[in-house]
Amino acid sequence: MATKKPPKQGQDVVGKVGKWIGSFRNYLREVIYELKKVVWPSRKQTIGTTAIVVIVVMIFGVYLGIVDAIFSYLMRWLLG
């Protein structure tokens, strides 16, 4: 029965790097394939959705500011 020779010191590293590069290439191919299946929103949809998000954030900001002012006033009143 023939025994396998252990790889020379540099060959083991080269083999691992080669496998890593192959795995990375395969990963990139899969990413590209998946991105081709994505249905991207139109410019109009993107602008509309962004406007809604900005408006909702502003409303919540004002609401939280008012609630904070009320609680600050109450704490100052309670602590005297």
PDB file of N, CA and C in Angstrom:
ATOM      1  N   MET A   1       0.840  -1.163   0.000  1.00  0.00           N
ATOM      2  CA  MET A   1       0.000   0.000   0.000  1.00  0.00           C
ATOM      3  C   MET A   1       0.899   1.244   0.000  1.00  0.00           C
ATOM      4  N   ALA A   2       0.626   2.146  -0.945  1.00  0.00           N
ATOM      5  CA  ALA A   2       1.433   3.356  -1.057  1.00  0.00           C
ATOM      6  C   ALA A   2       0.905   4.409  -0.096  1.00  0.00           C
ATOM      7  N   THR A   3       1.820   5.052   0.568  1.00  0.00           N
ATOM      8  CA  THR A   3       1.417   6.120   1.474  1.00  0.00           C
ATOM      9  C   THR A   3       1.607   7.457   0.780  1.00  0.00           C
ATOM     10  N   LYS A   4       0.752   8.364   1.123  1.00  0.00           N
ATOM     11  CA  LYS A   4       0.806   9.695   0.538  1.00  0.00           C
ATOM     12  C   LYS A   4       1.928  10.483   1.198  1.00  0.00           C
ATOM     13  N   LYS A   5       2.712  11.165   0.370  1.00  0.00           N
ATOM     14  CA  LYS A   5       3.766  12.005   0.927  1.00  0.00           C
ATOM     15  C   LYS A   5       3.132  13.286   1.463  1.00  0.00           C
ATOM     16  N   PRO A   6       3.600  13.746   2.583  1.00  0.00           N
ATOM     17  CA  PRO A   6       3.068  15.018   3.071  1.00  0.00           C
ATOM     18  C   PRO A   6       3.492  16.146   2.125  1.00  0.00           C
ATOM     19  N   PRO A   7       2.634  17.120   1.915  1.00  0.00           N
ATOM     20  CA  PRO A   7       2.987  18.202   0.997  1.00  0.00           C
ATOM     21  C   PRO A   7       4.140  19.024   1.552  1.00  0.00           C
ATOM     22  N   LYS A   8       4.900  19.569   0.634  1.00  0.00           N
ATOM     23  CA  LYS A   8       5.984  20.445   1.068  1.00  0.00           C
ATOM     24  C   LYS A   8       5.369  21.665   1.730  1.00  0.00           C
ATOM     25  N   GLN A   9       6.170  22.364   2.483  1.00  0.00           N
ATOM     26  CA  GLN A   9       5.655  23.456   3.301  1.00  0.00           C
ATOM     27  C   GLN A   9       4.907  24.500   2.487  1.00  0.00           C
ATOM     28  N   GLY A  10       5.384  24.919   1.352  1.00  0.00           N
ATOM     29  CA  GLY A  10       4.743  25.951   0.555  1.00  0.00           C
ATOM     30  C   GLY A  10       3.529  25.449  -0.205  1.00  0.00           C
ATOM     31  N   GLN A  11       3.495  24.164  -0.566  1.00  0.00           N
ATOM     32  CA  GLN A  11       2.392  23.629  -1.362  1.00  0.00           C
ATOM     33  C   GLN A  11       1.075  23.621  -0.595  1.00  0.00           C
ATOM     34  N   ASP A  12       1.110  23.386   0.689  1.00  0.00           N
ATOM     35  CA  ASP A  12      -0.110  23.357   1.487  1.00  0.00           C
ATOM     36  C   ASP A  12      -0.775  24.734   1.498  1.00  0.00           C
ATOM     37  N   VAL A  13       0.014  25.775   1.628  1.00  0.00           N
ATOM     38  CA  VAL A  13      -0.518  27.143   1.648  1.00  0.00           C
ATOM     39  C   VAL A  13      -1.103  27.493   0.292  1.00  0.00           C
ATOM     40  N   VAL A  14      -0.408  27.131  -0.784  1.00  0.00           N
ATOM     41  CA  VAL A  14      -0.887  27.420  -2.134  1.00  0.00           C
ATOM     42  C   VAL A  14      -2.209  26.708  -2.384  1.00  0.00           C
ATOM     43  N   GLY A  15      -2.348  25.491  -1.919  1.00  0.00           N
ATOM     44  CA  GLY A  15      -3.595  24.750  -2.086  1.00  0.00           C
ATOM     45  C   GLY A  15      -4.754  25.417  -1.362  1.00  0.00           C
ATOM     46  N   LYS A  16      -4.497  25.906  -0.165  1.00  0.00           N
ATOM     47  CA  LYS A  16      -5.556  26.576   0.601  1.00  0.00           C
ATOM     48  C   LYS A  16      -5.955  27.883  -0.059  1.00  0.00           C
ATOM     49  N   VAL A  17      -4.973  28.631  -0.559  1.00  0.00           N
ATOM     50  CA  VAL A  17      -5.278  29.899  -1.232  1.00  0.00           C
ATOM     51  C   VAL A  17      -6.069  29.633  -2.500  1.00  0.00           C
ATOM     52  N   GLY A  18      -5.705  28.610  -3.233  1.00  0.00           N
ATOM     53  CA  GLY A  18      -6.427  28.255  -4.453  1.00  0.00           C
ATOM     54  C   GLY A  18      -7.873  27.889  -4.170  1.00  0.00           C
ATOM     55  N   LYS A  19      -8.098  27.126  -3.108  1.00  0.00           N
ATOM     56  CA  LYS A  19      -9.465  26.768  -2.727  1.00  0.00           C
ATOM     57  C   LYS A  19     -10.245  28.007  -2.311  1.00  0.00           C
ATOM     58  N   TRP A  20      -9.596  28.908  -1.587  1.00  0.00           N
ATOM     59  CA  TRP A  20     -10.259  30.131  -1.135  1.00  0.00           C
ATOM     60  C   TRP A  20     -10.641  30.993  -2.327  1.00  0.00           C
ATOM     61  N   ILE A  21      -9.748  31.128  -3.295  1.00  0.00           N
ATOM     62  CA  ILE A  21     -10.041  31.927  -4.485  1.00  0.00           C
ATOM     63  C   ILE A  21     -11.180  31.292  -5.275  1.00  0.00           C
ATOM     64  N   GLY A  22     -11.179  29.975  -5.402  1.00  0.00           N
ATOM     65  CA  GLY A  22     -12.265  29.284  -6.100  1.00  0.00           C
ATOM     66  C   GLY A  22     -13.602  29.482  -5.401  1.00  0.00           C
ATOM     67  N   SER A  23     -13.591  29.402  -4.084  1.00  0.00           N
ATOM     68  CA  SER A  23     -14.821  29.610  -3.324  1.00  0.00           C
ATOM     69  C   SER A  23     -15.324  31.043  -3.477  1.00  0.00           C
ATOM     70  N   PHE A  24     -14.404  31.996  -3.469  1.00  0.00           N
ATOM     71  CA  PHE A  24     -14.776  33.399  -3.609  1.00  0.00           C
ATOM     72  C   PHE A  24     -15.355  33.671  -4.998  1.00  0.00           C
ATOM     73  N   ARG A  25     -14.756  33.086  -6.030  1.00  0.00           N
ATOM     74  CA  ARG A  25     -15.293  33.243  -7.391  1.00  0.00           C
ATOM     75  C   ARG A  25     -16.701  32.670  -7.482  1.00  0.00           C
ATOM     76  N   ASN A  26     -16.891  31.501  -6.908  1.00  0.00           N
ATOM     77  CA  ASN A  26     -18.206  30.867  -6.914  1.00  0.00           C
ATOM     78  C   ASN A  26     -19.220  31.749  -6.185  1.00  0.00           C
ATOM     79  N   TYR A  27     -18.818  32.324  -5.056  1.00  0.00           N
ATOM     80  CA  TYR A  27     -19.690  33.229  -4.305  1.00  0.00           C
ATOM     81  C   TYR A  27     -20.085  34.428  -5.173  1.00  0.00           C
ATOM     82  N   LEU A  28     -19.126  35.033  -5.854  1.00  0.00           N
ATOM     83  CA  LEU A  28     -19.424  36.191  -6.705  1.00  0.00           C
ATOM     84  C   LEU A  28     -20.358  35.813  -7.852  1.00  0.00           C
ATOM     85  N   ARG A  29     -20.168  34.642  -8.448  1.00  0.00           N
ATOM     86  CA  ARG A  29     -21.073  34.186  -9.513  1.00  0.00           C
ATOM     87  C   ARG A  29     -22.500  34.069  -8.995  1.00  0.00           C
ATOM     88  N   GLU A  30     -22.652  33.506  -7.797  1.00  0.00           N
ATOM     89  CA  GLU A  30     -23.984  33.347  -7.209  1.00  0.00           C
ATOM     90  C   GLU A  30     -24.610  34.702  -6.882  1.00  0.00           C
ATOM     91  N   VAL A  31     -23.814  35.645  -6.411  1.00  0.00           N
ATOM     92  CA  VAL A  31     -24.322  36.985  -6.105  1.00  0.00           C
ATOM     93  C   VAL A  31     -24.832  37.650  -7.383  1.00  0.00           C
ATOM     94  N   ILE A  32     -24.060  37.572  -8.449  1.00  0.00           N
ATOM     95  CA  ILE A  32     -24.456  38.166  -9.724  1.00  0.00           C
ATOM     96  C   ILE A  32     -25.739  37.514 -10.232  1.00  0.00           C
ATOM     97  N   TYR A  33     -25.821  36.197 -10.122  1.00  0.00           N
ATOM     98  CA  TYR A  33     -27.010  35.477 -10.564  1.00  0.00           C
ATOM     99  C   TYR A  33     -28.243  35.941  -9.788  1.00  0.00           C
ATOM    100  N   GLU A  34     -28.104  36.082  -8.465  1.00  0.00           N
ATOM    101  CA  GLU A  34     -29.239  36.518  -7.641  1.00  0.00           C
ATOM    102  C   GLU A  34     -29.615  37.964  -7.937  1.00  0.00           C
ATOM    103  N   LEU A  35     -28.636  38.832  -8.180  1.00  0.00           N
ATOM    104  CA  LEU A  35     -28.937  40.234  -8.471  1.00  0.00           C
ATOM    105  C   LEU A  35     -29.683  40.384  -9.793  1.00  0.00           C
ATOM    106  N   LYS A  36     -29.479  39.461 -10.722  1.00  0.00           N
ATOM    107  CA  LYS A  36     -30.213  39.520 -11.989  1.00  0.00           C
ATOM    108  C   LYS A  36     -31.699  39.218 -11.787  1.00  0.00           C
ATOM    109  N   LYS A  37     -32.039  38.520 -10.700  1.00  0.00           N
ATOM    110  CA  LYS A  37     -33.435  38.183 -10.430  1.00  0.00           C
ATOM    111  C   LYS A  37     -34.168  39.281  -9.665  1.00  0.00           C
ATOM    112  N   VAL A  38     -33.445  40.275  -9.160  1.00  0.00           N
ATOM    113  CA  VAL A  38     -34.053  41.344  -8.363  1.00  0.00           C
ATOM    114  C   VAL A  38     -34.878  42.257  -9.267  1.00  0.00           C
ATOM    115  N   VAL A  39     -36.065  42.615  -8.795  1.00  0.00           N
ATOM    116  CA  VAL A  39     -36.894  43.585  -9.502  1.00  0.00           C
ATOM    117  C   VAL A  39     -36.692  44.927  -8.805  1.00  0.00           C
ATOM    118  N   TRP A  40     -35.981  45.815  -9.469  1.00  0.00           N
ATOM    119  CA  TRP A  40     -35.650  47.096  -8.871  1.00  0.00           C
ATOM    120  C   TRP A  40     -36.825  48.056  -9.013  1.00  0.00           C
ATOM    121  N   PRO A  41     -37.076  48.893  -7.984  1.00  0.00           N
ATOM    122  CA  PRO A  41     -38.171  49.859  -8.080  1.00  0.00           C
ATOM    123  C   PRO A  41     -37.818  50.980  -9.058  1.00  0.00           C
ATOM    124  N   SER A  42     -38.856  51.593  -9.595  1.00  0.00           N
ATOM    125  CA  SER A  42     -38.623  52.705 -10.515  1.00  0.00           C
ATOM    126  C   SER A  42     -38.174  53.933  -9.726  1.00  0.00           C
ATOM    127  N   ARG A  43     -37.704  54.937 -10.442  1.00  0.00           N
ATOM    128  CA  ARG A  43     -37.276  56.174  -9.796  1.00  0.00           C
ATOM    129  C   ARG A  43     -38.441  56.827  -9.052  1.00  0.00           C
ATOM    130  N   LYS A  44     -39.627  56.800  -9.669  1.00  0.00           N
ATOM    131  CA  LYS A  44     -40.817  57.406  -9.062  1.00  0.00           C
ATOM    132  C   LYS A  44     -41.174  56.696  -7.750  1.00  0.00           C
ATOM    133  N   GLN A  45     -41.123  55.360  -7.746  1.00  0.00           N
ATOM    134  CA  GLN A  45     -41.429  54.602  -6.534  1.00  0.00           C
ATOM    135  C   GLN A  45     -40.408  54.894  -5.435  1.00  0.00           C
ATOM    136  N   THR A  46     -39.154  54.982  -5.818  1.00  0.00           N
ATOM    137  CA  THR A  46     -38.096  55.245  -4.841  1.00  0.00           C
ATOM    138  C   THR A  46     -38.268  56.627  -4.210  1.00  0.00           C
ATOM    139  N   ILE A  47     -38.549  57.632  -5.019  1.00  0.00           N
ATOM    140  CA  ILE A  47     -38.737  58.985  -4.501  1.00  0.00           C
ATOM    141  C   ILE A  47     -39.971  59.045  -3.608  1.00  0.00           C
ATOM    142  N   GLY A  48     -41.062  58.399  -4.010  1.00  0.00           N
ATOM    143  CA  GLY A  48     -42.286  58.384  -3.202  1.00  0.00           C
ATOM    144  C   GLY A  48     -42.075  57.707  -1.858  1.00  0.00           C
ATOM    145  N   THR A  49     -41.423  56.573  -1.863  1.00  0.00           N
ATOM    146  CA  THR A  49     -41.171  55.845  -0.618  1.00  0.00           C
ATOM    147  C   THR A  49     -40.243  56.641   0.291  1.00  0.00           C
ATOM    148  N   THR A  50     -39.228  57.257  -0.291  1.00  0.00           N
ATOM    149  CA  THR A  50     -38.299  58.062   0.505  1.00  0.00           C
ATOM    150  C   THR A  50     -39.023  59.255   1.133  1.00  0.00           C
ATOM    151  N   ALA A  51     -39.901  59.893   0.381  1.00  0.00           N
ATOM    152  CA  ALA A  51     -40.657  61.037   0.914  1.00  0.00           C
ATOM    153  C   ALA A  51     -41.529  60.597   2.087  1.00  0.00           C
ATOM    154  N   ILE A  52     -42.176  59.453   1.968  1.00  0.00           N
ATOM    155  CA  ILE A  52     -43.014  58.944   3.057  1.00  0.00           C
ATOM    156  C   ILE A  52     -42.176  58.693   4.305  1.00  0.00           C
ATOM    157  N   VAL A  53     -41.013  58.087   4.130  1.00  0.00           N
ATOM    158  CA  VAL A  53     -40.143  57.792   5.275  1.00  0.00           C
ATOM    159  C   VAL A  53     -39.699  59.089   5.947  1.00  0.00           C
ATOM    160  N   VAL A  54     -39.287  60.083   5.158  1.00  0.00           N
ATOM    161  CA  VAL A  54     -38.840  61.360   5.731  1.00  0.00           C
ATOM    162  C   VAL A  54     -39.986  62.032   6.496  1.00  0.00           C
ATOM    163  N   ILE A  55     -41.183  62.034   5.934  1.00  0.00           N
ATOM    164  CA  ILE A  55     -42.331  62.658   6.606  1.00  0.00           C
ATOM    165  C   ILE A  55     -42.663  61.945   7.909  1.00  0.00           C
ATOM    166  N   VAL A  56     -42.673  60.612   7.895  1.00  0.00           N
ATOM    167  CA  VAL A  56     -42.976  59.849   9.116  1.00  0.00           C
ATOM    168  C   VAL A  56     -41.912  60.107  10.186  1.00  0.00           C
ATOM    169  N   VAL A  57     -40.646  60.157   9.792  1.00  0.00           N
ATOM    170  CA  VAL A  57     -39.577  60.424  10.759  1.00  0.00           C
ATOM    171  C   VAL A  57     -39.743  61.818  11.365  1.00  0.00           C
ATOM    172  N   MET A  58     -40.105  62.801  10.538  1.00  0.00           N
ATOM    173  CA  MET A  58     -40.310  64.157  11.056  1.00  0.00           C
ATOM    174  C   MET A  58     -41.488  64.204  12.025  1.00  0.00           C
ATOM    175  N   ILE A  59     -42.574  63.513  11.705  1.00  0.00           N
ATOM    176  CA  ILE A  59     -43.739  63.482  12.598  1.00  0.00           C
ATOM    177  C   ILE A  59     -43.372  62.862  13.941  1.00  0.00           C
ATOM    178  N   PHE A  60     -42.671  61.734  13.912  1.00  0.00           N
ATOM    179  CA  PHE A  60     -42.269  61.093  15.161  1.00  0.00           C
ATOM    180  C   PHE A  60     -41.283  61.951  15.932  1.00  0.00           C
ATOM    181  N   GLY A  61     -40.412  62.670  15.229  1.00  0.00           N
ATOM    182  CA  GLY A  61     -39.478  63.568  15.900  1.00  0.00           C
ATOM    183  C   GLY A  61     -40.197  64.678  16.644  1.00  0.00           C
ATOM    184  N   VAL A  62     -41.186  65.270  15.998  1.00  0.00           N
ATOM    185  CA  VAL A  62     -41.976  66.323  16.648  1.00  0.00           C
ATOM    186  C   VAL A  62     -42.737  65.741  17.838  1.00  0.00           C
ATOM    187  N   TYR A  63     -43.352  64.576  17.647  1.00  0.00           N
ATOM    188  CA  TYR A  63     -44.101  63.924  18.729  1.00  0.00           C
ATOM    189  C   TYR A  63     -43.199  63.654  19.931  1.00  0.00           C
ATOM    190  N   LEU A  64     -42.024  63.064  19.684  1.00  0.00           N
ATOM    191  CA  LEU A  64     -41.115  62.757  20.791  1.00  0.00           C
ATOM    192  C   LEU A  64     -40.578  64.031  21.441  1.00  0.00           C
ATOM    193  N   GLY A  65     -40.386  65.080  20.653  1.00  0.00           N
ATOM    194  CA  GLY A  65     -39.952  66.361  21.220  1.00  0.00           C
ATOM    195  C   GLY A  65     -40.993  66.930  22.154  1.00  0.00           C
ATOM    196  N   ILE A  66     -42.264  66.858  21.761  1.00  0.00           N
ATOM    197  CA  ILE A  66     -43.357  67.349  22.612  1.00  0.00           C
ATOM    198  C   ILE A  66     -43.459  66.515  23.889  1.00  0.00           C
ATOM    199  N   VAL A  67     -43.405  65.198  23.754  1.00  0.00           N
ATOM    200  CA  VAL A  67     -43.474  64.322  24.932  1.00  0.00           C
ATOM    201  C   VAL A  67     -42.298  64.600  25.861  1.00  0.00           C
ATOM    202  N   ASP A  68     -41.110  64.794  25.315  1.00  0.00           N
ATOM    203  CA  ASP A  68     -39.935  65.095  26.128  1.00  0.00           C
ATOM    204  C   ASP A  68     -40.105  66.423  26.858  1.00  0.00           C
ATOM    205  N   ALA A  69     -40.640  67.431  26.181  1.00  0.00           N
ATOM    206  CA  ALA A  69     -40.851  68.735  26.817  1.00  0.00           C
ATOM    207  C   ALA A  69     -41.854  68.622  27.960  1.00  0.00           C
ATOM    208  N   ILE A  70     -42.924  67.856  27.756  1.00  0.00           N
ATOM    209  CA  ILE A  70     -43.935  67.665  28.806  1.00  0.00           C
ATOM    210  C   ILE A  70     -43.321  66.968  30.019  1.00  0.00           C
ATOM    211  N   PHE A  71     -42.566  65.885  29.772  1.00  0.00           N
ATOM    212  CA  PHE A  71     -41.949  65.172  30.893  1.00  0.00           C
ATOM    213  C   PHE A  71     -40.905  66.038  31.594  1.00  0.00           C
ATOM    214  N   SER A  72     -40.170  66.828  30.854  1.00  0.00           N
ATOM    215  CA  SER A  72     -39.189  67.730  31.472  1.00  0.00           C
ATOM    216  C   SER A  72     -39.900  68.741  32.373  1.00  0.00           C
ATOM    217  N   TYR A  73     -40.985  69.293  31.872  1.00  0.00           N
ATOM    218  CA  TYR A  73     -41.766  70.254  32.668  1.00  0.00           C
ATOM    219  C   TYR A  73     -42.301  69.586  33.930  1.00  0.00           C
ATOM    220  N   LEU A  74     -42.853  68.370  33.803  1.00  0.00           N
ATOM    221  CA  LEU A  74     -43.385  67.650  34.958  1.00  0.00           C
ATOM    222  C   LEU A  74     -42.297  67.340  35.976  1.00  0.00           C
ATOM    223  N   MET A  75     -41.122  66.948  35.523  1.00  0.00           N
ATOM    224  CA  MET A  75     -40.030  66.628  36.450  1.00  0.00           C
ATOM    225  C   MET A  75     -39.567  67.896  37.188  1.00  0.00           C
ATOM    226  N   ARG A  76     -39.459  69.016  36.468  1.00  0.00           N
ATOM    227  CA  ARG A  76     -39.081  70.271  37.117  1.00  0.00           C
ATOM    228  C   ARG A  76     -40.144  70.689  38.134  1.00  0.00           C
ATOM    229  N   TRP A  77     -41.408  70.488  37.818  1.00  0.00           N
ATOM    230  CA  TRP A  77     -42.500  70.843  38.708  1.00  0.00           C
ATOM    231  C   TRP A  77     -42.496  69.949  39.963  1.00  0.00           C
ATOM    232  N   LEU A  78     -42.275  68.612  39.753  1.00  0.00           N
ATOM    233  CA  LEU A  78     -42.273  67.684  40.889  1.00  0.00           C
ATOM    234  C   LEU A  78     -41.067  67.894  41.793  1.00  0.00           C
ATOM    235  N   LEU A  79     -39.926  68.173  41.232  1.00  0.00           N
ATOM    236  CA  LEU A  79     -38.704  68.322  42.028  1.00  0.00           C
ATOM    237  C   LEU A  79     -38.543  69.736  42.573  1.00  0.00           C
ATOM    238  N   GLY A  80     -39.388  70.628  42.118  1.00  0.00           N
ATOM    239  CA  GLY A  80     -39.513  71.900  42.705  1.00  0.00           C
ATOM    240  C   GLY A  80     -38.634  72.983  42.431  1.00  0.00           C
TER     241      GLY A  80
END
